[in-house]
Amino acid sequence: MTITDEDCLSETLAFNEQFEAAAATRPARGKAPSAAALALLRRNRLGGDAPPVRLPHGQDRVVEGGVNVRVLVPDHVDGVYLHIHGGGWAFGSADGQDERLWRLAEQARLAVVSVDYCLAPEHPFPAGPDDCEAAARWLVKYAAAEFGTERLLIGGESAGAHLSVVTLLRLRDRHGITGLFRAAHLLFGPYDLSMTPSQRRFGPRQLLSNTDTIRRSYELFTPGMEEEQRRSPEVSPLYADLAGLPPARIVVGTEDPLLDDSLFLAQRWQAAGAPVQLGVVAGAMHGFTLFPLTVTERELRRERDFLASV
C-alpha cells in the first residue's frame, strides 16, 4: 500500500480534530431517524443551512425508465461521465455538487450525467441500484445521439462508488454489456455491507462516518437483511466475480472506516484482470473531498486527469 500526500498530513489531521470537536457538541443521533428527522437531515446537507448551489448549466431530465438525472454539458465533449452521488443511500441528490461537477465537465471535456436515484429508507434496496442501472442503459443506447460520443465513464463517492460497481456488474450479468464503460472512478466506497475489519474496528470517533453510522446506513438501505444476506454479490460487490470490468481508480483515506473496502476491492479488481490505480491519502477521513483541504484539491485534480486520459 502506497500512501500519498504525507507532506500535508499535519493539515489533514488538524482538520479531522476540528471536525471531531465540532461533532462532539451536536446531539447524539438515535438508532434510526424518524421521517421528520430524516427530512431535516436531508435539508441541512451535512449540517449546513444553505442549500447547494444549482448552476444554470445544469438541466434536470427524466430519461428512459422514468429515472431523474441532472445533465451538465460543456462546450467541448469528448466523453460522458455517469456520476452517482454519495450519502449513505439515504441522503444527497444529483444537484448537490453542481459546482464540482461543472469544473470536472469543463476541465475533462466531459458531459456529466448525475443520477437522482431513489433514496432509502422510503425506497430501500434494490430501488437505488435499479435507477442507476436504468440510467446506465439509457447512456449505452443514446450517448452518441445525445452527446456525440460513445466514450462512457462511471463513478461516484461513498454509496455512489458502491452503486457504480453494482451498476457495472448488472450491465454485465443482466445485459451482457462489457467494455462500453471505459473506466470507473471510485471514491471511498463501501463494498462489503457485512462489514470489513476496518469498519468494525473504527469505533465511535465522530468523523463524517464511523462504525455506528455505517451500520445504520446498512439498516436503512437493506432493512431486514442479516449479515450473511448482505454478503450476496448483488449487495456487496466485494464478493462478486469482477471479470470483465474496466480499468479503475480507487481512492480512500487512512482515517476512513472503509479503508479495507478499497484495499480489498483493488486487489480483487486487479486479480480479475483490469488495471487499477489505488490512491490511499494520508490522514484523510471519509468524505474528505467535501472539505476545503489541500488533499481535496489534489484529489480533484487527479480525478480530472484520470477521467480525461482513459
C-alpha atoms as a PDB file:
ATOM      1  CA  MET A   1       0.000   0.000   0.000  1.00  0.00           C
ATOM      2  CA  THR A   2       1.476   3.329  -1.101  1.00  0.00           C
ATOM      3  CA  ILE A   3       0.297   6.325   0.941  1.00  0.00           C
ATOM      4  CA  THR A   4       0.134   9.726  -0.748  1.00  0.00           C
ATOM      5  CA  ASP A   5       0.050  13.331   0.496  1.00  0.00           C
ATOM      6  CA  GLU A   6       2.142  12.762   3.611  1.00  0.00           C
ATOM      7  CA  ASP A   7       3.607  16.247   3.118  1.00  0.00           C
ATOM      8  CA  CYS A   8       0.290  17.805   4.184  1.00  0.00           C
ATOM      9  CA  LEU A   9      -0.580  15.254   6.863  1.00  0.00           C
ATOM     10  CA  SER A  10      -0.482  17.848   9.658  1.00  0.00           C
ATOM     11  CA  GLU A  11      -3.121  19.991   7.910  1.00  0.00           C
ATOM     12  CA  THR A  12      -5.346  16.980   7.266  1.00  0.00           C
ATOM     13  CA  LEU A  13      -5.140  15.683  10.841  1.00  0.00           C
ATOM     14  CA  ALA A  14      -5.727  19.163  12.274  1.00  0.00           C
ATOM     15  CA  PHE A  15      -8.928  19.394  10.220  1.00  0.00           C
ATOM     16  CA  ASN A  16     -10.036  15.984  11.492  1.00  0.00           C
ATOM     17  CA  GLU A  17      -9.511  17.203  15.057  1.00  0.00           C
ATOM     18  CA  GLN A  18     -11.595  20.323  14.453  1.00  0.00           C
ATOM     19  CA  PHE A  19     -14.340  18.229  12.853  1.00  0.00           C
ATOM     20  CA  GLU A  20     -14.446  15.830  15.815  1.00  0.00           C
ATOM     21  CA  ALA A  21     -14.559  18.698  18.289  1.00  0.00           C
ATOM     22  CA  ALA A  22     -17.481  20.309  16.462  1.00  0.00           C
ATOM     23  CA  ALA A  23     -19.286  16.972  16.162  1.00  0.00           C
ATOM     24  CA  ALA A  24     -18.965  16.402  19.905  1.00  0.00           C
ATOM     25  CA  THR A  25     -21.105  19.497  20.567  1.00  0.00           C
ATOM     26  CA  ARG A  26     -24.026  18.209  18.487  1.00  0.00           C
ATOM     27  CA  PRO A  27     -26.766  15.974  19.932  1.00  0.00           C
ATOM     28  CA  ALA A  28     -26.146  12.260  19.527  1.00  0.00           C
ATOM     29  CA  ARG A  29     -28.190  10.579  16.808  1.00  0.00           C
ATOM     30  CA  GLY A  30     -30.674   7.897  17.706  1.00  0.00           C
ATOM     31  CA  LYS A  31     -30.649   4.388  16.337  1.00  0.00           C
ATOM     32  CA  ALA A  32     -32.933   5.148  13.401  1.00  0.00           C
ATOM     33  CA  PRO A  33     -34.106   8.663  12.467  1.00  0.00           C
ATOM     34  CA  SER A  34     -37.824   9.386  12.262  1.00  0.00           C
ATOM     35  CA  ALA A  35     -39.265  10.565   8.955  1.00  0.00           C
ATOM     36  CA  ALA A  36     -39.240  14.160  10.235  1.00  0.00           C
ATOM     37  CA  ALA A  37     -35.648  13.887  11.458  1.00  0.00           C
ATOM     38  CA  LEU A  38     -34.586  12.338   8.166  1.00  0.00           C
ATOM     39  CA  ALA A  39     -36.215  15.176   6.226  1.00  0.00           C
ATOM     40  CA  LEU A  40     -34.396  17.725   8.404  1.00  0.00           C
ATOM     41  CA  LEU A  41     -31.056  15.991   7.955  1.00  0.00           C
ATOM     42  CA  ARG A  42     -31.553  15.924   4.196  1.00  0.00           C
ATOM     43  CA  ARG A  43     -32.486  19.605   4.158  1.00  0.00           C
ATOM     44  CA  ASN A  44     -29.443  20.556   6.211  1.00  0.00           C
ATOM     45  CA  ARG A  45     -26.991  18.841   3.854  1.00  0.00           C
ATOM     46  CA  LEU A  46     -24.470  17.532   6.382  1.00  0.00           C
ATOM     47  CA  GLY A  47     -25.291  20.242   8.895  1.00  0.00           C
ATOM     48  CA  GLY A  48     -25.117  23.333   6.722  1.00  0.00           C
ATOM     49  CA  ASP A  49     -28.035  25.733   6.481  1.00  0.00           C
ATOM     50  CA  ALA A  50     -27.556  26.789   2.867  1.00  0.00           C
ATOM     51  CA  PRO A  51     -28.823  24.566   0.060  1.00  0.00           C
ATOM     52  CA  PRO A  52     -26.324  23.508  -2.611  1.00  0.00           C
ATOM     53  CA  VAL A  53     -25.649  25.930  -5.447  1.00  0.00           C
ATOM     54  CA  ARG A  54     -27.649  24.976  -8.531  1.00  0.00           C
ATOM     55  CA  LEU A  55     -25.865  26.218 -11.627  1.00  0.00           C
ATOM     56  CA  PRO A  56     -27.748  27.389 -14.716  1.00  0.00           C
ATOM     57  CA  HIS A  57     -25.582  24.989 -16.749  1.00  0.00           C
ATOM     58  CA  GLY A  58     -27.440  22.041 -15.228  1.00  0.00           C
ATOM     59  CA  GLN A  59     -30.524  20.535 -16.833  1.00  0.00           C
ATOM     60  CA  ASP A  60     -32.949  18.255 -14.985  1.00  0.00           C
ATOM     61  CA  ARG A  61     -34.282  15.470 -17.152  1.00  0.00           C
ATOM     62  CA  VAL A  62     -36.269  12.262 -16.928  1.00  0.00           C
ATOM     63  CA  VAL A  63     -34.721   9.521 -19.041  1.00  0.00           C
ATOM     64  CA  GLU A  64     -35.924   6.152 -20.231  1.00  0.00           C
ATOM     65  CA  GLY A  65     -37.181   4.118 -17.314  1.00  0.00           C
ATOM     66  CA  GLY A  66     -38.526   7.200 -15.539  1.00  0.00           C
ATOM     67  CA  VAL A  67     -35.213   7.989 -13.834  1.00  0.00           C
ATOM     68  CA  ASN A  68     -34.352  11.576 -12.907  1.00  0.00           C
ATOM     69  CA  VAL A  69     -30.903  12.787 -13.926  1.00  0.00           C
ATOM     70  CA  ARG A  70     -29.071  16.101 -13.924  1.00  0.00           C
ATOM     71  CA  VAL A  71     -27.039  16.836 -17.039  1.00  0.00           C
ATOM     72  CA  LEU A  72     -24.138  19.288 -17.370  1.00  0.00           C
ATOM     73  CA  VAL A  73     -22.698  19.685 -20.870  1.00  0.00           C
ATOM     74  CA  PRO A  74     -19.620  21.840 -21.612  1.00  0.00           C
ATOM     75  CA  ASP A  75     -18.856  23.388 -24.999  1.00  0.00           C
ATOM     76  CA  HIS A  76     -16.444  20.580 -25.922  1.00  0.00           C
ATOM     77  CA  VAL A  77     -17.424  16.960 -25.187  1.00  0.00           C
ATOM     78  CA  ASP A  78     -15.006  14.048 -25.532  1.00  0.00           C
ATOM     79  CA  GLY A  79     -16.917  11.616 -23.316  1.00  0.00           C
ATOM     80  CA  VAL A  80     -19.772  11.142 -20.867  1.00  0.00           C
ATOM     81  CA  TYR A  81     -19.318  10.610 -17.134  1.00  0.00           C
ATOM     82  CA  LEU A  82     -22.164   8.833 -15.351  1.00  0.00           C
ATOM     83  CA  HIS A  83     -21.903  10.217 -11.822  1.00  0.00           C
ATOM     84  CA  ILE A  84     -23.594   8.595  -8.807  1.00  0.00           C
ATOM     85  CA  HIS A  85     -23.687  10.707  -5.655  1.00  0.00           C
ATOM     86  CA  GLY A  86     -22.988   9.538  -2.120  1.00  0.00           C
ATOM     87  CA  GLY A  87     -24.927   9.956   1.089  1.00  0.00           C
ATOM     88  CA  GLY A  88     -25.356   6.506   2.597  1.00  0.00           C
ATOM     89  CA  TRP A  89     -28.110   5.647   0.062  1.00  0.00           C
ATOM     90  CA  ALA A  90     -30.424   7.875   2.169  1.00  0.00           C
ATOM     91  CA  PHE A  91     -29.077  11.394   1.562  1.00  0.00           C
ATOM     92  CA  GLY A  92     -27.758  13.509  -1.288  1.00  0.00           C
ATOM     93  CA  SER A  93     -29.087  14.485  -4.683  1.00  0.00           C
ATOM     94  CA  ALA A  94     -27.951  14.893  -8.266  1.00  0.00           C
ATOM     95  CA  ASP A  95     -27.841  18.698  -7.901  1.00  0.00           C
ATOM     96  CA  GLY A  96     -25.802  18.641  -4.707  1.00  0.00           C
ATOM     97  CA  GLN A  97     -22.411  19.030  -6.412  1.00  0.00           C
ATOM     98  CA  ASP A  98     -23.109  21.245  -9.434  1.00  0.00           C
ATOM     99  CA  GLU A  99     -20.022  23.411  -8.910  1.00  0.00           C
ATOM    100  CA  ARG A 100     -17.596  20.488  -8.598  1.00  0.00           C
ATOM    101  CA  LEU A 101     -19.172  18.554 -11.446  1.00  0.00           C
ATOM    102  CA  TRP A 102     -19.224  21.589 -13.731  1.00  0.00           C
ATOM    103  CA  ARG A 103     -15.490  22.152 -13.137  1.00  0.00           C
ATOM    104  CA  LEU A 104     -14.891  18.493 -13.956  1.00  0.00           C
ATOM    105  CA  ALA A 105     -17.066  18.752 -17.076  1.00  0.00           C
ATOM    106  CA  GLU A 106     -15.176  21.767 -18.413  1.00  0.00           C
ATOM    107  CA  GLN A 107     -11.658  20.630 -17.490  1.00  0.00           C
ATOM    108  CA  ALA A 108     -12.006  16.998 -18.591  1.00  0.00           C
ATOM    109  CA  ARG A 109     -14.293  17.818 -21.564  1.00  0.00           C
ATOM    110  CA  LEU A 110     -16.996  15.500 -20.306  1.00  0.00           C
ATOM    111  CA  ALA A 111     -20.760  15.687 -20.340  1.00  0.00           C
ATOM    112  CA  VAL A 112     -21.769  14.760 -16.787  1.00  0.00           C
ATOM    113  CA  VAL A 113     -24.980  12.837 -16.156  1.00  0.00           C
ATOM    114  CA  SER A 114     -25.679  12.607 -12.409  1.00  0.00           C
ATOM    115  CA  VAL A 115     -28.325  10.119 -11.280  1.00  0.00           C
ATOM    116  CA  ASP A 116     -31.034  11.254  -8.846  1.00  0.00           C
ATOM    117  CA  TYR A 117     -31.721   7.727  -7.663  1.00  0.00           C
ATOM    118  CA  CYS A 118     -34.457   6.852  -5.154  1.00  0.00           C
ATOM    119  CA  LEU A 119     -33.328   7.105  -1.541  1.00  0.00           C
ATOM    120  CA  ALA A 120     -33.742   4.759   1.409  1.00  0.00           C
ATOM    121  CA  PRO A 121     -35.498   4.121   3.704  1.00  0.00           C
ATOM    122  CA  GLU A 122     -38.557   5.099   1.664  1.00  0.00           C
ATOM    123  CA  HIS A 123     -37.054   3.206  -1.283  1.00  0.00           C
ATOM    124  CA  PRO A 124     -34.682   0.514   0.056  1.00  0.00           C
ATOM    125  CA  PHE A 125     -32.589  -1.957  -1.931  1.00  0.00           C
ATOM    126  CA  PRO A 126     -32.944  -2.628  -4.836  1.00  0.00           C
ATOM    127  CA  ALA A 127     -34.598   0.696  -5.796  1.00  0.00           C
ATOM    128  CA  GLY A 128     -31.399   2.780  -5.926  1.00  0.00           C
ATOM    129  CA  PRO A 129     -29.445   0.207  -7.940  1.00  0.00           C
ATOM    130  CA  ASP A 130     -32.418  -0.189 -10.294  1.00  0.00           C
ATOM    131  CA  ASP A 131     -32.352   3.550 -11.091  1.00  0.00           C
ATOM    132  CA  CYS A 132     -28.598   3.587 -11.666  1.00  0.00           C
ATOM    133  CA  GLU A 133     -28.824   0.547 -13.940  1.00  0.00           C
ATOM    134  CA  ALA A 134     -31.603   2.214 -15.955  1.00  0.00           C
ATOM    135  CA  ALA A 135     -29.589   5.425 -16.351  1.00  0.00           C
ATOM    136  CA  ALA A 136     -26.537   3.452 -17.482  1.00  0.00           C
ATOM    137  CA  ARG A 137     -28.575   1.512 -20.050  1.00  0.00           C
ATOM    138  CA  TRP A 138     -30.018   4.796 -21.351  1.00  0.00           C
ATOM    139  CA  LEU A 139     -26.497   6.115 -21.876  1.00  0.00           C
ATOM    140  CA  VAL A 140     -25.404   2.934 -23.637  1.00  0.00           C
ATOM    141  CA  LYS A 141     -28.303   3.344 -26.081  1.00  0.00           C
ATOM    142  CA  TYR A 142     -28.357   7.106 -26.567  1.00  0.00           C
ATOM    143  CA  ALA A 143     -24.999   8.673 -25.660  1.00  0.00           C
ATOM    144  CA  ALA A 144     -23.939   9.009 -29.295  1.00  0.00           C
ATOM    145  CA  ALA A 145     -27.183  10.711 -30.285  1.00  0.00           C
ATOM    146  CA  GLU A 146     -27.396  12.883 -27.156  1.00  0.00           C
ATOM    147  CA  PHE A 147     -23.758  13.879 -26.697  1.00  0.00           C
ATOM    148  CA  GLY A 148     -21.942  12.935 -29.898  1.00  0.00           C
ATOM    149  CA  THR A 149     -19.687  10.335 -28.262  1.00  0.00           C
ATOM    150  CA  GLU A 150     -19.756   6.693 -27.158  1.00  0.00           C
ATOM    151  CA  ARG A 151     -16.864   7.130 -24.701  1.00  0.00           C
ATOM    152  CA  LEU A 152     -18.524   6.333 -21.361  1.00  0.00           C
ATOM    153  CA  LEU A 153     -17.123   6.574 -17.826  1.00  0.00           C
ATOM    154  CA  ILE A 154     -18.722   5.899 -14.439  1.00  0.00           C
ATOM    155  CA  GLY A 155     -18.003   6.773 -10.828  1.00  0.00           C
ATOM    156  CA  GLY A 156     -19.077   8.265  -7.559  1.00  0.00           C
ATOM    157  CA  GLU A 157     -18.383   8.842  -3.903  1.00  0.00           C
ATOM    158  CA  SER A 158     -19.144   6.587  -0.916  1.00  0.00           C
ATOM    159  CA  ALA A 159     -22.543   4.964  -1.582  1.00  0.00           C
ATOM    160  CA  GLY A 160     -22.178   6.264  -5.145  1.00  0.00           C
ATOM    161  CA  ALA A 161     -18.959   4.279  -5.561  1.00  0.00           C
ATOM    162  CA  HIS A 162     -20.773   1.164  -4.351  1.00  0.00           C
ATOM    163  CA  LEU A 163     -23.629   1.813  -6.784  1.00  0.00           C
ATOM    164  CA  SER A 164     -21.148   2.368  -9.617  1.00  0.00           C
ATOM    165  CA  VAL A 165     -19.656  -1.101  -9.172  1.00  0.00           C
ATOM    166  CA  VAL A 166     -23.106  -2.665  -8.741  1.00  0.00           C
ATOM    167  CA  THR A 167     -24.192  -0.966 -11.983  1.00  0.00           C
ATOM    168  CA  LEU A 168     -21.223  -2.327 -13.929  1.00  0.00           C
ATOM    169  CA  LEU A 169     -21.931  -5.833 -12.607  1.00  0.00           C
ATOM    170  CA  ARG A 170     -25.630  -5.588 -13.504  1.00  0.00           C
ATOM    171  CA  LEU A 171     -24.805  -4.414 -17.033  1.00  0.00           C
ATOM    172  CA  ARG A 172     -22.509  -7.418 -17.451  1.00  0.00           C
ATOM    173  CA  ASP A 173     -24.674 -10.063 -15.786  1.00  0.00           C
ATOM    174  CA  ARG A 174     -28.168  -8.964 -16.859  1.00  0.00           C
ATOM    175  CA  HIS A 175     -27.500  -7.493 -20.294  1.00  0.00           C
ATOM    176  CA  GLY A 176     -24.137  -8.861 -21.450  1.00  0.00           C
ATOM    177  CA  ILE A 177     -22.711  -5.334 -21.637  1.00  0.00           C
ATOM    178  CA  THR A 178     -18.974  -5.085 -21.024  1.00  0.00           C
ATOM    179  CA  GLY A 179     -16.321  -2.752 -22.374  1.00  0.00           C
ATOM    180  CA  LEU A 180     -18.629   0.170 -23.150  1.00  0.00           C
ATOM    181  CA  PHE A 181     -17.774   1.961 -19.908  1.00  0.00           C
ATOM    182  CA  ARG A 182     -14.063   2.580 -20.284  1.00  0.00           C
ATOM    183  CA  ALA A 183     -13.215   3.287 -16.656  1.00  0.00           C
ATOM    184  CA  ALA A 184     -14.566   3.588 -13.128  1.00  0.00           C
ATOM    185  CA  HIS A 185     -13.582   6.247 -10.595  1.00  0.00           C
ATOM    186  CA  LEU A 186     -14.420   5.078  -7.065  1.00  0.00           C
ATOM    187  CA  LEU A 187     -14.035   7.371  -4.046  1.00  0.00           C
ATOM    188  CA  PHE A 188     -14.124   5.826  -0.532  1.00  0.00           C
ATOM    189  CA  GLY A 189     -16.884   3.315  -1.215  1.00  0.00           C
ATOM    190  CA  PRO A 190     -18.400   0.549   0.943  1.00  0.00           C
ATOM    191  CA  TYR A 191     -18.047  -2.724  -0.942  1.00  0.00           C
ATOM    192  CA  ASP A 192     -18.781  -5.245   1.838  1.00  0.00           C
ATOM    193  CA  LEU A 193     -22.069  -4.466   3.587  1.00  0.00           C
ATOM    194  CA  SER A 194     -21.486  -7.307   6.057  1.00  0.00           C
ATOM    195  CA  MET A 195     -18.631  -5.047   7.325  1.00  0.00           C
ATOM    196  CA  THR A 196     -14.897  -5.359   6.704  1.00  0.00           C
ATOM    197  CA  PRO A 197     -12.463  -5.413   9.671  1.00  0.00           C
ATOM    198  CA  SER A 198     -11.713  -1.697   9.371  1.00  0.00           C
ATOM    199  CA  GLN A 199     -15.430  -0.894   9.507  1.00  0.00           C
ATOM    200  CA  ARG A 200     -15.867  -2.951  12.684  1.00  0.00           C
ATOM    201  CA  ARG A 201     -12.710  -1.668  14.404  1.00  0.00           C
ATOM    202  CA  PHE A 202     -13.156   2.055  13.708  1.00  0.00           C
ATOM    203  CA  GLY A 203     -15.454   2.615  16.660  1.00  0.00           C
ATOM    204  CA  PRO A 204     -17.275   5.784  17.746  1.00  0.00           C
ATOM    205  CA  ARG A 205     -14.869   8.502  16.538  1.00  0.00           C
ATOM    206  CA  GLN A 206     -17.024  11.404  15.448  1.00  0.00           C
ATOM    207  CA  LEU A 207     -15.691  11.897  11.958  1.00  0.00           C
ATOM    208  CA  LEU A 208     -18.026  12.030   8.972  1.00  0.00           C
ATOM    209  CA  SER A 209     -18.530   8.265   9.237  1.00  0.00           C
ATOM    210  CA  ASN A 210     -17.877   5.677  11.941  1.00  0.00           C
ATOM    211  CA  THR A 211     -18.860   2.138  12.840  1.00  0.00           C
ATOM    212  CA  ASP A 212     -22.301   3.100  14.158  1.00  0.00           C
ATOM    213  CA  THR A 213     -23.266   5.421  11.290  1.00  0.00           C
ATOM    214  CA  ILE A 214     -22.191   2.814   8.745  1.00  0.00           C
ATOM    215  CA  ARG A 215     -24.262   0.135  10.457  1.00  0.00           C
ATOM    216  CA  ARG A 216     -27.306   2.433  10.493  1.00  0.00           C
ATOM    217  CA  SER A 217     -26.842   3.173   6.796  1.00  0.00           C
ATOM    218  CA  TYR A 218     -26.904  -0.544   6.027  1.00  0.00           C
ATOM    219  CA  GLU A 219     -30.067  -0.956   8.107  1.00  0.00           C
ATOM    220  CA  LEU A 220     -31.784   1.830   6.137  1.00  0.00           C
ATOM    221  CA  PHE A 221     -30.613   0.559   2.745  1.00  0.00           C
ATOM    222  CA  THR A 222     -31.148  -3.171   3.330  1.00  0.00           C
ATOM    223  CA  PRO A 223     -33.799  -3.422   6.061  1.00  0.00           C
ATOM    224  CA  GLY A 224     -34.434  -6.895   7.413  1.00  0.00           C
ATOM    225  CA  MET A 225     -31.280  -8.383   5.894  1.00  0.00           C
ATOM    226  CA  GLU A 226     -28.984 -10.433   8.092  1.00  0.00           C
ATOM    227  CA  GLU A 227     -25.203 -10.166   7.842  1.00  0.00           C
ATOM    228  CA  GLU A 228     -24.946 -13.275   5.686  1.00  0.00           C
ATOM    229  CA  GLN A 229     -27.567 -11.947   3.259  1.00  0.00           C
ATOM    230  CA  ARG A 230     -25.582  -8.735   2.891  1.00  0.00           C
ATOM    231  CA  ARG A 231     -22.677 -10.824   1.597  1.00  0.00           C
ATOM    232  CA  SER A 232     -24.637 -11.553  -1.561  1.00  0.00           C
ATOM    233  CA  PRO A 233     -22.655 -10.296  -4.591  1.00  0.00           C
ATOM    234  CA  GLU A 234     -25.722  -8.314  -5.634  1.00  0.00           C
ATOM    235  CA  VAL A 235     -25.464  -6.311  -2.397  1.00  0.00           C
ATOM    236  CA  SER A 236     -21.729  -6.434  -1.639  1.00  0.00           C
ATOM    237  CA  PRO A 237     -19.650  -6.267  -4.829  1.00  0.00           C
ATOM    238  CA  LEU A 238     -16.511  -7.350  -2.962  1.00  0.00           C
ATOM    239  CA  TYR A 239     -17.942 -10.891  -3.174  1.00  0.00           C
ATOM    240  CA  ALA A 240     -18.742 -10.709  -6.892  1.00  0.00           C
ATOM    241  CA  ASP A 241     -16.815 -12.088  -9.837  1.00  0.00           C
ATOM    242  CA  LEU A 242     -15.126  -8.922 -11.136  1.00  0.00           C
ATOM    243  CA  ALA A 243     -14.054 -10.312 -14.514  1.00  0.00           C
ATOM    244  CA  GLY A 244     -14.708  -8.036 -17.466  1.00  0.00           C
ATOM    245  CA  LEU A 245     -14.816  -4.784 -15.523  1.00  0.00           C
ATOM    246  CA  PRO A 246     -12.939  -1.750 -16.862  1.00  0.00           C
ATOM    247  CA  PRO A 247      -9.797  -0.050 -15.504  1.00  0.00           C
ATOM    248  CA  ALA A 248     -10.432   1.675 -12.195  1.00  0.00           C
ATOM    249  CA  ARG A 249      -9.064   4.319  -9.898  1.00  0.00           C
ATOM    250  CA  ILE A 250      -9.912   3.516  -6.269  1.00  0.00           C
ATOM    251  CA  VAL A 251      -9.314   6.163  -3.582  1.00  0.00           C
ATOM    252  CA  VAL A 252      -9.627   6.144   0.222  1.00  0.00           C
ATOM    253  CA  GLY A 253      -8.099   7.901   3.242  1.00  0.00           C
ATOM    254  CA  THR A 254      -6.158   6.208   6.014  1.00  0.00           C
ATOM    255  CA  GLU A 255      -8.634   7.540   8.637  1.00  0.00           C
ATOM    256  CA  ASP A 256     -11.689   6.138   6.868  1.00  0.00           C
ATOM    257  CA  PRO A 257     -13.578   3.193   8.378  1.00  0.00           C
ATOM    258  CA  LEU A 258     -13.980   1.957   4.790  1.00  0.00           C
ATOM    259  CA  LEU A 259     -10.205   1.672   4.268  1.00  0.00           C
ATOM    260  CA  ASP A 260     -10.250  -2.132   3.967  1.00  0.00           C
ATOM    261  CA  ASP A 261     -13.083  -1.995   1.435  1.00  0.00           C
ATOM    262  CA  SER A 262     -10.944  -0.084  -1.053  1.00  0.00           C
ATOM    263  CA  LEU A 263      -7.782  -2.086  -0.351  1.00  0.00           C
ATOM    264  CA  PHE A 264      -9.581  -5.419  -0.774  1.00  0.00           C
ATOM    265  CA  LEU A 265     -11.526  -4.301  -3.854  1.00  0.00           C
ATOM    266  CA  ALA A 266      -8.363  -3.015  -5.550  1.00  0.00           C
ATOM    267  CA  GLN A 267      -6.675  -6.397  -5.039  1.00  0.00           C
ATOM    268  CA  ARG A 268      -9.652  -8.352  -6.359  1.00  0.00           C
ATOM    269  CA  TRP A 269     -10.190  -5.948  -9.292  1.00  0.00           C
ATOM    270  CA  GLN A 270      -6.585  -6.321 -10.387  1.00  0.00           C
ATOM    271  CA  ALA A 271      -6.650 -10.099  -9.888  1.00  0.00           C
ATOM    272  CA  ALA A 272      -9.664 -10.208 -12.214  1.00  0.00           C
ATOM    273  CA  GLY A 273      -7.527  -8.713 -14.974  1.00  0.00           C
ATOM    274  CA  ALA A 274      -8.181  -4.966 -15.109  1.00  0.00           C
ATOM    275  CA  PRO A 275      -5.631  -2.232 -14.330  1.00  0.00           C
ATOM    276  CA  VAL A 276      -6.148  -0.397 -11.023  1.00  0.00           C
ATOM    277  CA  GLN A 277      -4.780   2.850  -9.669  1.00  0.00           C
ATOM    278  CA  LEU A 278      -5.042   2.798  -5.867  1.00  0.00           C
ATOM    279  CA  GLY A 279      -4.824   6.095  -4.004  1.00  0.00           C
ATOM    280  CA  VAL A 280      -4.515   5.988  -0.204  1.00  0.00           C
ATOM    281  CA  VAL A 281      -4.492   9.515   1.205  1.00  0.00           C
ATOM    282  CA  ALA A 282      -2.566  10.106   4.433  1.00  0.00           C
ATOM    283  CA  GLY A 283      -4.786  11.138   7.330  1.00  0.00           C
ATOM    284  CA  ALA A 284      -7.912  11.664   5.220  1.00  0.00           C
ATOM    285  CA  MET A 285     -11.293  10.814   6.725  1.00  0.00           C
ATOM    286  CA  HIS A 286     -14.359   9.536   4.942  1.00  0.00           C
ATOM    287  CA  GLY A 287     -15.789  12.149   2.593  1.00  0.00           C
ATOM    288  CA  PHE A 288     -12.661  14.314   2.702  1.00  0.00           C
ATOM    289  CA  THR A 289     -13.292  15.712  -0.789  1.00  0.00           C
ATOM    290  CA  LEU A 290     -16.292  17.628   0.626  1.00  0.00           C
ATOM    291  CA  PHE A 291     -13.972  19.931   2.549  1.00  0.00           C
ATOM    292  CA  PRO A 292     -11.512  22.732   1.599  1.00  0.00           C
ATOM    293  CA  LEU A 293      -8.239  20.875   2.101  1.00  0.00           C
ATOM    294  CA  THR A 294      -5.002  20.657   0.166  1.00  0.00           C
ATOM    295  CA  VAL A 295      -5.618  16.926  -0.317  1.00  0.00           C
ATOM    296  CA  THR A 296      -9.052  17.727  -1.729  1.00  0.00           C
ATOM    297  CA  GLU A 297      -7.644  19.987  -4.429  1.00  0.00           C
ATOM    298  CA  ARG A 298      -5.022  17.379  -5.273  1.00  0.00           C
ATOM    299  CA  GLU A 299      -7.569  14.580  -5.404  1.00  0.00           C
ATOM    300  CA  LEU A 300      -9.975  16.504  -7.629  1.00  0.00           C
ATOM    301  CA  ARG A 301      -7.088  17.208  -9.999  1.00  0.00           C
ATOM    302  CA  ARG A 302      -6.128  13.517 -10.065  1.00  0.00           C
ATOM    303  CA  GLU A 303      -9.757  12.559 -10.710  1.00  0.00           C
ATOM    304  CA  ARG A 304      -9.936  15.010 -13.621  1.00  0.00           C
ATOM    305  CA  ASP A 305      -6.643  13.765 -15.086  1.00  0.00           C
ATOM    306  CA  PHE A 306      -7.699  10.123 -14.815  1.00  0.00           C
ATOM    307  CA  LEU A 307     -11.116  10.631 -16.415  1.00  0.00           C
ATOM    308  CA  ALA A 308      -9.640  12.779 -19.180  1.00  0.00           C
ATOM    309  CA  SER A 309      -6.975  10.223 -20.065  1.00  0.00           C
ATOM    310  CA  VAL A 310      -8.747   6.835 -20.096  1.00  0.00           C
END
